[in-house]
Amino acid sequence: MNDIFPCLGVVATLAIIFGFLAFLRYMSYKETIALAEKGLARPQTKSGKGLLRWGIVIAALGLALSLGLYPIGFSSGEDYPLHLGPWMLGGFVPLFLGLGLILLHYLTDKE
């Protein structure tokens, strides 16, 4: 019975976050429809820096998670090389995903 409250808290938090993102997407859709009804088009302001921005954000998040999860290796009872165990995947996956996005930005740069 005590385990259900943390589970419900996590589910409620995720529902609030994704609900807010869905609401923002819906409002953008309604704005586009209102502009189309008036015969206007949404101005295109694409700068081409989306991969770089998201890459930096995701890589920073992965680095922070990696640094936060690293001390678990010292408290675990098993010997892992360099104290890097399977819990480090929670930080390494976003870190290398972000680094991949940054690399993709520079490899596909057209300027």
Protein backbone atom coordinates (compact mmCIF):
# COMPACT_ATOMS: atom_id res chain seq x y z
CA MET A 1 0.00 0.00 0.00
CA ASN A 2 2.89 2.38 0.74
CA ASP A 3 4.38 1.80 -2.71
CA ILE A 4 1.35 3.09 -4.56
CA PHE A 5 1.79 6.74 -3.51
CA PRO A 6 5.23 7.23 -5.14
CA CYS A 7 3.97 5.48 -8.28
CA LEU A 8 0.91 7.70 -8.45
CA GLY A 9 3.11 10.75 -7.87
CA VAL A 10 5.38 9.86 -10.78
CA VAL A 11 2.40 9.14 -13.04
CA ALA A 12 0.70 12.40 -12.04
CA THR A 13 3.89 14.40 -12.65
CA LEU A 14 4.35 12.88 -16.10
CA ALA A 15 0.66 13.44 -16.90
CA ILE A 16 0.94 17.12 -15.96
CA ILE A 17 4.10 17.61 -18.04
CA PHE A 18 2.78 15.83 -21.13
CA GLY A 19 -0.62 17.45 -20.72
CA PHE A 20 1.00 20.88 -20.72
CA LEU A 21 3.04 20.01 -23.83
CA ALA A 22 -0.11 18.76 -25.56
CA PHE A 23 -1.90 21.99 -24.61
CA LEU A 24 0.93 24.09 -26.10
CA ARG A 25 0.78 22.03 -29.29
CA TYR A 26 -3.00 22.47 -29.48
CA MET A 27 -2.72 26.24 -29.02
CA SER A 28 -0.14 26.41 -31.81
CA TYR A 29 -2.50 24.42 -34.03
CA LYS A 30 -5.41 26.77 -33.25
CA GLU A 31 -3.22 29.78 -34.02
CA THR A 32 -2.23 28.28 -37.38
CA ILE A 33 -5.88 27.57 -38.23
CA ALA A 34 -6.91 31.14 -37.28
CA LEU A 35 -4.16 32.57 -39.50
CA ALA A 36 -5.16 30.29 -42.38
CA GLU A 37 -8.80 31.41 -42.14
CA LYS A 38 -7.66 35.01 -42.56
CA GLY A 39 -5.50 34.09 -45.54
CA LEU A 40 -2.22 34.61 -43.72
CA ALA A 41 0.70 32.25 -43.31
CA ARG A 42 2.84 31.67 -40.26
CA PRO A 43 6.21 33.42 -40.70
CA GLN A 44 9.11 31.03 -41.09
CA THR A 45 11.84 31.86 -38.58
CA LYS A 46 13.88 28.68 -38.79
CA SER A 47 17.50 29.45 -37.99
CA GLY A 48 18.92 25.94 -38.39
CA LYS A 49 20.25 25.92 -34.84
CA GLY A 50 17.68 23.46 -33.46
CA LEU A 51 20.03 20.46 -33.49
CA LEU A 52 22.75 22.43 -31.76
CA ARG A 53 20.44 23.80 -29.06
CA TRP A 54 18.82 20.45 -28.30
CA GLY A 55 22.20 18.74 -28.44
CA ILE A 56 23.66 21.08 -25.85
CA VAL A 57 20.62 20.74 -23.56
CA ILE A 58 20.52 16.93 -23.76
CA ALA A 59 24.29 16.58 -23.40
CA ALA A 60 24.29 18.85 -20.33
CA LEU A 61 21.46 16.84 -18.81
CA GLY A 62 23.35 13.60 -19.50
CA LEU A 63 26.53 14.99 -17.98
CA ALA A 64 24.67 16.10 -14.86
CA LEU A 65 23.03 12.68 -14.51
CA SER A 66 26.37 10.94 -15.04
CA LEU A 67 28.04 13.03 -12.34
CA GLY A 68 25.13 12.45 -10.00
CA LEU A 69 25.04 8.68 -10.57
CA TYR A 70 28.80 8.10 -10.37
CA PRO A 71 29.02 7.92 -6.54
CA ILE A 72 26.70 4.89 -6.57
CA GLY A 73 29.69 2.86 -7.81
CA PHE A 74 31.56 3.47 -4.58
CA SER A 75 28.70 2.35 -2.38
CA SER A 76 27.79 -0.78 -4.36
CA GLY A 77 29.13 -4.02 -2.97
CA GLU A 78 30.38 -5.34 -6.32
CA ASP A 79 33.60 -4.49 -8.14
CA TYR A 80 32.98 -2.69 -11.41
CA PRO A 81 35.82 -1.28 -13.49
CA LEU A 82 36.29 2.41 -12.67
CA HIS A 83 33.13 2.11 -10.49
CA LEU A 84 31.00 2.35 -13.66
CA GLY A 85 28.03 0.03 -13.39
CA PRO A 86 24.77 -0.37 -15.25
CA TRP A 87 23.20 2.58 -13.40
CA MET A 88 25.46 4.88 -15.40
CA LEU A 89 23.40 4.21 -18.53
CA GLY A 90 20.86 6.70 -17.19
CA GLY A 91 23.45 9.43 -17.70
CA PHE A 92 25.51 8.08 -20.58
CA VAL A 93 22.59 7.57 -22.98
CA PRO A 94 21.44 11.23 -22.97
CA LEU A 95 25.05 12.43 -22.87
CA PHE A 96 26.01 10.60 -26.05
CA LEU A 97 22.66 11.37 -27.69
CA GLY A 98 23.34 15.07 -27.11
CA LEU A 99 26.89 14.75 -28.39
CA GLY A 100 25.52 13.00 -31.48
CA LEU A 101 23.10 15.87 -32.12
CA ILE A 102 25.91 18.41 -31.77
CA LEU A 103 28.06 16.40 -34.17
CA LEU A 104 25.15 16.10 -36.61
CA HIS A 105 24.70 19.88 -36.52
CA TYR A 106 28.31 20.49 -37.50
CA LEU A 107 28.43 17.71 -40.11
CA THR A 108 25.31 18.93 -41.91
CA ASP A 109 26.04 22.67 -41.60
CA LYS A 110 25.47 24.35 -44.98
CA GLU A 111 27.08 27.70 -44.25
